[in-house]
Protein backbone atom coordinates (compact mmCIF):
# COMPACT_ATOMS: atom_id res chain seq x y z
CA GLU A 1 51.55 24.15 107.14
CA SER A 2 47.43 24.13 106.09
CA ILE A 3 46.55 27.46 105.84
CA ARG A 4 50.10 28.88 104.82
CA SER A 5 48.91 30.07 102.50
CA GLN A 6 45.74 31.36 103.03
CA CYS A 7 48.29 33.87 105.41
CA SER A 8 49.40 37.52 104.89
CA ALA A 9 53.14 38.04 105.85
CA ARG A 10 51.91 39.86 109.04
CA ASP A 11 49.99 36.47 109.86
CA ARG A 12 52.57 34.34 109.22
CA LEU A 13 55.54 36.10 111.81
CA ARG A 14 52.34 36.45 113.92
CA MET A 15 51.46 32.64 114.13
CA SER A 16 55.29 31.51 113.95
CA GLN A 17 55.58 33.94 116.83
CA LEU A 18 52.41 32.08 118.63
CA VAL A 19 54.06 28.23 117.83
CA SER A 20 57.30 30.15 118.83
CA THR A 21 55.78 31.01 123.19
CA GLY A 22 54.34 28.08 123.01
CA TRP A 23 57.34 25.98 123.05
CA GLN A 24 58.46 28.13 125.27
CA PHE A 25 54.77 27.92 127.41
CA ASP A 26 55.21 24.05 127.30
CA GLU A 27 58.72 24.03 129.12
CA THR A 28 57.31 25.04 132.11
CA GLY A 29 55.16 22.18 133.01
CA SER A 30 51.21 23.77 133.17
CA LEU A 31 48.27 22.36 131.25
CA ASN A 32 46.22 25.67 132.23
CA PRO A 33 45.18 27.15 129.67
CA CYS A 34 44.23 30.30 131.35
CA ASP A 35 48.17 31.15 132.41
CA PHE A 36 49.23 30.56 128.28
CA ILE A 37 46.98 33.57 127.62
CA ARG A 38 47.91 35.32 129.75
CA LEU A 39 51.58 34.58 128.95
CA LEU A 40 50.39 36.04 125.74
CA GLU A 41 49.01 38.85 127.04
CA ASN A 42 52.03 40.01 129.56
CA SER A 43 54.52 39.80 125.66
CA ARG A 44 55.38 41.59 123.75
CA PHE A 45 56.72 40.78 120.15
CA GLN A 46 58.76 42.51 117.88
CA LYS A 47 58.25 43.49 114.23
CA LYS A 48 60.91 41.89 111.95
CA ARG A 49 61.13 45.40 110.29
CA LYS A 50 59.94 49.10 111.02
CA ALA A 51 56.37 49.88 109.61
CA PRO A 52 56.33 51.70 106.94
CA VAL A 53 53.52 54.23 109.38
CA ARG A 54 54.30 54.97 112.41
CA VAL A 55 52.21 56.74 115.25
CA MET A 56 53.90 58.28 117.94
CA THR A 57 53.81 61.14 120.26
CA ILE A 58 55.42 64.24 119.91
CA HIS A 59 57.76 63.93 123.16
CA GLN A 60 58.07 60.26 120.79
CA SER A 61 59.72 62.16 118.38
CA LYS A 62 61.87 63.55 119.89
CA GLY A 63 65.50 63.05 117.73
CA LEU A 64 64.00 61.14 114.47
CA GLU A 65 62.76 62.24 110.77
CA PHE A 66 61.02 61.47 108.76
CA ASP A 67 60.20 61.83 105.05
CA CYS A 68 56.74 63.20 105.87
CA VAL A 69 55.03 63.93 108.60
CA VAL A 70 51.36 64.70 109.36
CA LEU A 71 50.02 65.94 112.27
CA PRO A 72 46.35 65.46 112.58
CA GLU A 73 44.92 66.89 116.00
CA LEU A 74 45.96 70.60 115.67
CA ASP A 75 42.80 71.87 117.87
CA THR A 76 44.45 71.24 121.06
CA SER A 77 44.48 74.37 123.18
CA LEU A 78 47.49 76.58 123.38
CA PHE A 79 46.94 76.24 127.26
CA LYS A 80 46.09 74.15 129.59
CA ALA A 81 45.40 75.10 133.27
CA PRO A 82 47.45 73.38 136.01
CA GLU A 83 46.89 72.94 139.32
CA ALA A 84 48.66 75.96 140.51
CA ALA A 85 50.50 79.65 139.30
CA ALA A 86 53.79 80.56 140.52
CA GLY A 87 55.98 83.42 140.46
CA SER A 88 59.18 84.54 140.61
CA PRO A 89 60.72 87.69 140.75
CA ALA A 90 62.93 87.61 138.22
CA THR A 91 63.46 84.88 135.49
CA GLY A 92 65.55 82.16 136.61
CA GLU A 93 65.02 82.48 140.59
CA PRO A 94 63.05 80.73 142.29
CA ALA A 95 59.06 81.02 143.11
CA ASP A 96 58.25 83.28 145.94
CA ARG A 97 54.78 82.96 145.34
CA VAL A 98 52.13 80.46 144.69
CA CYS A 99 48.63 80.16 144.38
CA VAL A 100 45.71 77.39 143.38
CA TRP A 101 44.68 78.16 139.94
CA VAL A 102 41.08 80.13 140.00
CA ASN A 103 38.98 80.89 136.93
CA ARG A 104 39.97 84.51 135.66
CA SER A 105 36.07 86.04 137.47
CA LEU A 106 38.16 85.28 140.46
CA ARG A 107 40.99 85.92 139.42
CA GLN A 108 40.70 89.54 139.57
CA LEU A 109 39.87 89.71 143.36
CA LEU A 110 42.91 88.45 143.90
CA PRO A 111 46.30 90.95 144.67
CA ASP A 112 48.17 92.33 141.95
CA ASN A 113 50.48 89.65 143.34
CA LEU A 114 48.91 86.98 142.87
CA GLN A 115 47.79 87.92 139.27
CA ALA A 116 50.72 89.19 138.36
CA ALA A 117 52.05 84.93 138.62
CA PHE A 118 49.07 83.63 136.92
CA SER A 119 50.12 85.84 133.54
CA GLU A 120 53.80 84.41 134.38
CA THR A 121 52.20 81.20 134.65
CA ILE A 122 50.16 81.13 131.28
CA GLY A 123 53.29 82.89 129.81
CA GLN A 124 55.25 79.90 130.68
CA LYS A 125 52.92 77.01 129.27
CA VAL A 126 52.18 78.87 125.68
CA ALA A 127 56.06 79.04 125.57
CA GLU A 128 56.16 75.64 126.52
CA SER A 129 53.57 74.15 123.72
CA LEU A 130 55.07 75.86 121.47
CA CYS A 131 58.25 74.80 121.60
CA LEU A 132 56.61 70.81 121.44
CA PHE A 133 55.14 72.45 118.38
CA TYR A 134 58.77 72.95 116.88
CA VAL A 135 59.15 69.96 118.20
CA ALA A 136 56.87 68.56 115.76
CA MET A 137 56.89 71.16 112.84
CA THR A 138 61.05 70.01 112.43
CA ARG A 139 60.56 66.13 111.64
CA ALA A 140 59.56 66.41 108.15
CA ARG A 141 62.70 65.86 105.45
CA ARG A 142 60.46 67.01 102.41
CA CYS A 143 56.70 67.26 103.41
CA LEU A 144 54.69 68.52 106.42
CA VAL A 145 51.17 67.94 105.96
CA MET A 146 48.96 69.92 109.27
CA LEU A 147 45.37 68.73 109.41
CA SER A 148 42.36 70.76 111.20
CA PRO A 149 38.82 70.34 111.98
CA PRO A 150 36.33 73.59 110.24
CA MET A 151 37.08 76.71 112.59
CA GLU A 152 33.98 78.95 112.24
CA GLY A 153 33.86 81.83 114.32
CA GLY A 154 34.65 85.37 114.28
CA LYS A 155 37.71 85.06 115.66
CA PRO A 156 40.88 81.51 115.06
CA PRO A 157 40.80 80.03 117.90
CA LYS A 158 43.06 79.55 120.76
CA THR A 159 44.53 76.05 119.08
CA PHE A 160 47.02 75.00 117.00
CA ALA A 161 45.08 75.36 113.87
CA GLY A 162 44.32 78.98 115.19
CA LEU A 163 47.29 79.74 115.19
CA LEU A 164 48.62 78.25 111.63
CA LEU A 165 44.82 80.03 110.30
CA ALA A 166 46.02 83.80 111.45
CA ALA A 167 50.08 83.44 110.83
CA LEU A 168 49.48 82.69 107.15
CA SER A 169 46.20 83.67 106.19
CA ASP A 170 44.15 86.90 106.60
CA LYS A 171 41.02 84.72 107.24
CA THR A 172 39.24 83.87 110.30
CA GLN A 173 37.98 81.11 109.70
CA ALA A 174 38.27 77.92 107.44
CA GLY A 175 35.90 75.64 105.77
CA PRO A 176 35.84 71.35 105.38
CA SER A 177 38.14 70.21 102.93
CA GLU A 178 40.01 73.92 102.05
CA THR A 179 43.68 74.54 101.94
CA ILE A 180 44.67 77.19 104.10
CA TRP A 181 48.18 77.77 102.90
CA GLU A 182 51.01 75.28 100.92
CA THR A 183 54.39 75.70 99.63
CA GLY A 184 56.47 73.38 97.27
CA ASP A 185 57.13 70.42 95.09
CA PRO A 186 53.43 68.76 95.65
CA GLN A 187 55.12 65.75 93.90
CA TRP A 188 58.12 65.40 96.05
CA PHE A 189 57.61 61.82 96.21
CA VAL A 190 58.21 60.82 92.86
CA GLU A 191 61.81 61.04 91.55
CA ARG A 192 63.25 62.25 89.70
CA PRO A 193 67.18 61.74 87.03
CA VAL A 194 69.55 64.36 88.14
CA ALA A 195 71.38 65.87 85.70
CA ALA A 196 74.79 65.69 85.71
CA ALA A 197 76.65 69.00 87.04
CA LYS A 198 80.53 69.84 85.55
CA SER A 199 80.93 71.50 88.44
CA ARG A 200 80.35 72.14 91.97
CA GLY A 201 79.73 75.66 91.37
CA ALA A 202 77.51 75.16 88.42
CA ARG A 203 75.84 72.52 90.43
CA ALA A 204 74.69 75.42 93.12
CA ALA A 205 73.56 78.01 90.34
CA SER A 206 71.78 75.35 89.15
CA VAL A 207 69.74 74.78 92.43
CA ALA A 208 69.89 78.27 92.78
CA ASP A 209 67.59 78.42 89.83
CA ALA A 210 65.06 75.39 90.43
CA ALA A 211 64.39 77.47 93.81
CA ALA A 212 63.81 80.87 92.44
CA VAL A 213 60.54 79.06 90.05
CA PRO A 214 57.34 78.88 91.84
CA ALA A 215 56.21 75.76 92.98
CA SER A 216 52.91 74.74 90.62
CA ALA A 217 49.46 74.39 92.11
CA PRO A 218 48.54 70.66 93.37
CA ALA A 219 45.55 69.61 91.19
CA GLY A 220 42.46 69.75 93.29
CA ALA A 221 43.33 72.96 95.02
CA GLN A 222 41.67 75.86 96.91
CA SER A 223 41.30 78.96 94.34
CA GLY A 224 41.78 80.77 98.19
CA THR A 225 44.63 79.14 98.68
CA ARG A 226 47.11 81.50 99.34
CA ARG A 227 51.23 81.07 98.70
CA PRO A 228 54.24 83.10 100.35
CA VAL A 229 55.95 86.03 98.54
CA ALA A 230 58.93 84.05 99.03
CA ALA A 231 58.71 80.99 96.33
CA SER A 232 62.02 78.88 97.99
CA GLY A 233 59.15 78.44 100.95
CA ARG A 234 60.73 80.41 103.50
CA ILE A 235 57.94 83.01 105.55
CA LEU A 236 59.67 85.85 105.90
CA LEU A 237 58.65 87.75 108.99
CA SER A 238 57.63 91.10 109.73
CA PRO A 239 60.65 93.46 111.93
CA MET A 240 59.35 93.89 115.50
CA PRO A 241 57.84 97.30 116.68
CA ASP A 242 60.37 100.42 117.26
CA GLY A 243 63.26 99.04 116.14
CA ARG A 244 62.68 95.76 118.42
CA ARG A 245 64.46 92.07 116.62
CA ARG A 246 63.44 89.20 118.03
CA GLY A 247 64.74 87.20 120.82
CA LEU A 248 66.55 88.25 123.48
CA ALA A 249 70.41 89.67 123.37
CA ARG A 250 72.32 87.37 125.03
CA SER A 251 76.03 87.77 126.78
CA ALA A 252 78.51 85.96 128.82
CA PRO A 253 80.67 87.39 131.42
CA SER A 254 83.85 85.60 130.95
CA ARG A 255 85.72 86.90 127.12
CA HIS A 256 86.82 82.91 127.31
CA ASP A 257 83.97 81.74 125.41
CA GLN A 258 85.15 80.76 122.48
CA THR A 259 88.46 78.41 122.18
CA THR A 260 89.76 75.69 121.05
CA LEU A 261 90.93 73.03 122.87
CA THR A 262 93.57 70.18 122.03
CA LEU A 263 95.35 67.45 124.13
CA PRO A 264 98.02 66.80 124.25
CA VAL A 265 99.50 63.33 126.06
CA LEU A 266 102.62 64.03 128.25
CA ALA A 267 104.93 61.06 129.84
CA PRO A 268 104.57 62.10 133.93
CA ALA A 269 106.96 64.08 134.94
CA ALA A 270 109.26 63.17 138.25
CA PRO A 271 107.89 65.52 140.98
CA ARG A 272 110.01 67.78 142.86
CA GLN A 273 112.21 67.19 146.48
CA VAL A 274 111.03 69.71 148.95
CA ARG A 275 114.23 69.00 151.75
CA GLY A 276 112.76 69.44 155.14
CA ARG A 277 110.23 68.16 158.19
CA GLY A 278 106.82 69.47 159.12
CA ARG A 279 106.19 73.02 159.23
CA GLY A 280 108.95 74.28 157.91
CA ALA A 281 107.93 71.86 154.51
CA ALA A 282 104.99 72.97 154.40
CA ALA A 283 106.67 76.65 153.68
CA SER A 284 109.41 75.68 151.45
CA ALA A 285 106.64 74.47 148.73
CA ALA A 286 104.50 77.58 150.21
CA GLY A 287 107.48 79.65 148.51
CA VAL A 288 107.13 77.63 144.80
CA GLY A 289 103.74 77.92 144.92
CA ALA A 290 104.65 80.45 141.77
CA ALA A 291 105.54 78.47 140.30
CA ALA A 292 104.45 75.11 140.25
CA VAL A 293 102.59 74.61 137.21
CA VAL A 294 105.39 75.76 135.42
CA SER A 295 107.66 74.06 136.62
CA ALA A 296 105.62 70.45 136.44
CA ALA A 297 105.14 70.51 133.18
CA GLU A 298 106.33 73.63 131.27
CA SER A 299 104.54 71.75 127.43
CA VAL A 300 101.06 71.81 128.58
CA GLU A 301 99.23 73.72 127.26
CA PRO A 302 98.41 76.65 129.24
CA ARG A 303 94.18 76.22 128.40
CA ILE A 304 93.95 73.01 128.64
CA ARG A 305 96.17 73.58 132.70
CA GLY A 306 93.17 76.15 133.26
CA ILE A 307 90.66 73.68 132.63
CA LEU A 308 91.98 70.81 134.70
CA LEU A 309 92.81 73.06 137.53
CA HIS A 310 89.18 74.71 138.20
CA GLY A 311 88.41 70.65 137.98
CA TRP A 312 90.54 69.99 140.78
CA PHE A 313 89.09 73.26 142.35
CA GLU A 314 85.94 72.44 142.18
CA LEU A 315 86.49 68.96 144.23
CA LEU A 316 88.26 70.87 146.76
CA GLN A 317 85.87 72.62 149.66
CA TRP A 318 88.18 73.06 151.94
CA LEU A 319 91.77 72.05 152.85
CA ASP A 320 90.81 69.73 155.59
CA GLN A 321 89.27 67.67 152.75
CA GLU A 322 91.57 67.52 150.04
CA PRO A 323 90.58 64.57 147.62
CA GLU A 324 92.73 61.69 146.92
CA ASP A 325 95.11 61.17 144.24
CA GLN A 326 92.87 58.23 142.98
CA SER A 327 89.99 60.87 142.33
CA LEU A 328 91.38 63.95 140.54
CA LEU A 329 92.52 60.66 137.82
CA ASP A 330 88.98 60.09 137.42
CA ALA A 331 88.43 64.09 137.03
CA ALA A 332 90.82 64.49 134.65
CA MET A 333 89.21 61.45 132.59
CA ARG A 334 85.95 63.17 132.98
CA LEU A 335 87.22 65.90 131.15
CA GLN A 336 88.43 64.29 128.75
CA ILE A 337 92.17 64.68 129.74
CA PRO A 338 94.89 62.38 128.68
CA VAL A 339 96.18 60.72 132.51
CA GLU A 340 99.53 61.49 131.42
CA THR A 341 98.84 64.77 131.50
CA ALA A 342 97.26 63.94 134.50
CA GLN A 343 100.16 63.05 136.49
CA ALA A 344 102.28 65.55 135.09
CA LEU A 345 100.32 67.88 136.96
CA LEU A 346 99.82 66.34 140.05
CA PRO A 347 102.22 67.25 141.80
CA ALA A 348 101.86 71.57 140.84
CA PHE A 349 98.15 71.32 142.17
CA ARG A 350 99.42 69.55 145.82
CA ARG A 351 102.08 72.50 145.91
CA LEU A 352 99.51 75.18 145.20
CA LEU A 353 97.55 73.68 147.67
CA LEU A 354 100.23 74.79 149.82
CA SER A 355 101.03 78.72 148.18
CA ASP A 356 99.70 81.17 150.78
CA SER A 357 96.79 82.61 148.79
CA VAL A 358 95.18 78.85 148.62
CA ARG A 359 95.53 78.03 152.03
CA ARG A 360 93.77 81.32 153.08
CA THR A 361 90.95 80.92 151.08
CA PHE A 362 89.89 77.42 152.25
CA ASP A 363 90.23 77.80 155.34
CA ARG A 364 87.43 77.24 156.38
CA ALA A 365 87.92 78.24 160.19
CA THR A 366 87.92 81.61 159.27
CA ALA A 367 85.53 81.09 156.58
CA GLY A 368 88.36 81.51 153.68
CA ALA A 369 89.31 84.92 155.01
CA ALA A 370 86.59 87.46 153.06
CA THR A 371 86.02 90.40 154.50
CA VAL A 372 82.44 90.25 153.86
CA PHE A 373 81.54 87.50 156.81
CA ARG A 374 83.98 89.15 159.99
CA PRO A 375 80.57 90.72 160.97
CA TRP A 376 79.36 86.67 160.99
CA LEU A 377 82.52 85.19 162.45
CA PRO A 378 80.63 85.05 166.34
CA GLN A 379 77.33 83.18 164.35
CA LEU A 380 79.45 80.79 162.21
CA ALA A 381 82.19 80.19 165.45
CA SER A 382 78.35 79.32 167.91
CA GLY A 383 76.80 77.04 164.79
CA GLU A 384 73.83 79.78 164.51
CA ALA A 385 75.15 80.57 161.03
CA ARG A 386 76.50 78.26 158.59
CA LEU A 387 78.56 78.33 155.06
CA VAL A 388 77.27 76.89 152.50
CA VAL A 389 79.80 75.97 149.45
CA ASP A 390 78.90 75.66 146.04
CA ARG A 391 81.42 74.83 143.44
CA GLU A 392 80.50 75.76 139.57
CA ARG A 393 77.18 77.99 140.09
CA PRO A 394 75.73 77.83 136.84
CA PHE A 395 73.20 81.59 136.78
CA VAL A 396 70.81 82.93 134.48
CA LEU A 397 69.73 86.69 134.24
CA LEU A 398 67.73 88.21 132.11
CA GLU A 399 69.02 92.07 132.66
CA ARG A 400 67.74 95.40 130.11
CA SER A 401 65.85 92.37 127.56
CA GLN A 402 69.66 91.01 127.98
CA LEU A 403 69.74 87.12 128.82
CA ILE A 404 73.20 86.92 130.65
CA ARG A 405 74.59 83.68 131.66
CA GLY A 406 77.27 82.37 133.32
CA THR A 407 78.77 79.53 135.76
CA ILE A 408 80.45 81.21 138.47
CA ASP A 409 84.13 78.98 139.86
CA ARG A 410 83.50 79.31 143.97
CA LEU A 411 80.46 80.98 145.17
CA VAL A 412 80.51 81.14 148.81
CA GLN A 413 77.65 81.45 151.59
CA VAL A 414 76.92 82.45 154.93
CA LYS A 415 72.91 81.58 155.90
CA LEU A 416 71.13 82.12 158.57
CA GLY A 417 68.84 79.29 158.58
CA SER A 418 67.43 79.44 155.34
CA ARG A 419 68.37 83.82 154.40
CA VAL A 420 71.84 83.79 153.11
CA VAL A 421 73.28 87.23 154.88
CA ALA A 422 76.32 87.60 153.00
CA ALA A 423 78.74 85.74 149.66
CA ASP A 424 81.59 85.67 148.94
CA ILE A 425 82.80 85.14 144.68
CA VAL A 426 85.88 83.50 144.09
CA ASP A 427 87.78 83.08 140.14
CA PHE A 428 89.85 80.99 139.54
CA LYS A 429 93.15 82.18 136.74
CA THR A 430 96.07 80.72 135.91
CA ASP A 431 97.17 83.08 133.40
CA HIS A 432 101.11 82.81 133.45
CA VAL A 433 102.74 85.75 134.95
CA SER A 434 104.69 88.00 132.85
CA GLY A 435 106.81 91.18 133.67
CA GLU A 436 107.02 92.83 137.12
CA VAL A 437 103.85 90.68 139.44
CA GLY A 438 102.57 94.02 140.45
CA GLU A 439 102.60 95.77 137.66
CA TRP A 440 101.00 92.08 135.61
CA ILE A 441 98.48 92.66 138.93
CA ARG A 442 96.71 94.90 138.26
CA GLY A 443 96.47 94.99 134.15
CA ARG A 444 94.45 90.97 135.24
CA VAL A 445 91.89 93.12 137.82
CA GLU A 446 91.43 95.42 134.84
CA TYR A 447 90.43 92.81 132.43
CA TYR A 448 88.80 90.22 134.56
CA GLY A 449 86.99 93.44 136.49
CA SER A 450 83.74 93.50 133.85
CA GLN A 451 83.41 89.47 135.22
CA LEU A 452 83.68 89.83 138.40
CA LEU A 453 81.07 92.98 138.71
CA GLU A 454 78.61 90.79 136.72
CA TYR A 455 78.90 88.19 138.96
CA ARG A 456 78.89 90.03 141.43
CA ARG A 457 75.07 91.78 139.82
CA ALA A 458 73.81 88.08 139.50
CA VAL A 459 74.80 86.61 142.94
CA ALA A 460 72.93 89.78 144.77
CA ARG A 461 70.16 88.92 143.06
CA ILE A 462 69.62 85.74 143.24
CA CYS A 463 70.16 85.43 146.85
CA ARG A 464 68.57 88.80 147.25
CA LEU A 465 71.30 90.46 148.71
CA ASP A 466 73.09 94.28 148.88
CA PRO A 467 75.96 94.34 146.76
CA ALA A 468 77.57 95.27 149.50
CA HIS A 469 77.27 92.16 151.55
CA VAL A 470 78.67 90.16 147.98
CA GLN A 471 82.74 90.13 147.72
CA ALA A 472 84.23 89.52 143.89
CA ARG A 473 87.54 88.04 144.43
CA LEU A 474 89.88 86.64 141.97
CA LEU A 475 92.18 84.01 142.37
CA LEU A 476 95.74 84.69 140.51
CA LEU A 477 97.02 80.98 141.15
CA GLN A 478 100.81 82.12 139.24
CA ALA A 479 101.11 85.08 140.94
CA ASP A 480 99.83 83.75 144.30
CA ALA A 481 97.34 86.39 145.00
CA VAL A 482 93.97 86.82 145.74
CA VAL A 483 92.64 90.19 144.90
CA GLU A 484 89.28 92.06 145.70
CA VAL A 485 87.52 93.54 142.87
CA GLY A 486 85.21 96.53 143.59
């Protein structure tokens, strides 16, 4: 208390924390001062409030925003040599060649495929650095200040500062205290009264008019300061050569990506009784497989029914490993589908498992009845080959300057050792049958055919297979039919 008046607020906080820690240490019964010092060194003391200036790494700043962000160390190289270089046949595929990192002079002595791996690794590392730089710049809400040491030489260095110099200025060097580029209001931190607009339209017009007024130059700005043509502060990128646009075009084989979901809550439906016992009961249940989904809960929205059935079939590897009801309900909860809706569809799902198309597709003994697997059935029976099942298998491929991405419901592969020799794609569809069944099936095959062919090409590339060794099938649950596509 005698020194409180001579301490700052921070010192008083630290003193109170020291005293509090001393009382805690006193309860341990130790009289050794060294133990108390070690306790202080290993303890972390929180501040009562956040500091007005916070210092952190770019990774630590992810997800945060600040009124003003200062990036003081932009002389960092865009590329730091890793321990090894790796190359892959295509984007998204696993690496097929690796080499210890060597300098450029030794790199020229390597085979072409390893030199390509070095180029690919450099491109990936530079892209990662640029993404990190983007994260750093976008943490600022109102002001972004980027600092770098002077840059001298014939061309900009291969650093973040050199990148900014080349992008925002025609110069190849920058001297001490020189401003390379600036825009916006230098007095952004000064609060100004805002006149109330008569309407939202008038307010929008006033904002647009204000954006069209160039910002005044701050005091002490260099005469060589370059400002963008657009007064709003936007940097207009130059057009790509040959009419190409920046970035990759993206596509998804599925035509049903843009859908709004609603989750109805239903009362549990009483399961229908299937008369008979043993094999006769199974045959009777299989006969109603096509109508099972509708009969269980007719009022369930079709999209919700499809999501839930896909989630449940994802749990099913083979028919001899049927999931328990509780596992199915847990899966519905993960999909954020009400338990009442899941309970209403449980009997229908069990009946679907007895339908002929599902039993053939999920029969381990016949490898899912896939025709592409027939040459390998002896090896599968002897154990020389094995079946590997991937459910909800995502993929991303680069093809003809287009990024193709999708998710395969079920992918079964035959492997000899670590090599894939054949693959079977199964896509589940829960579309409602309308009209004549045969005509409806032909329409569904035509509608989903391009999607399955994209999946087939993707699997052939990923597994390095001849497309003839990849089979794509459409499992139409409502029609109790499985149809090969292509």
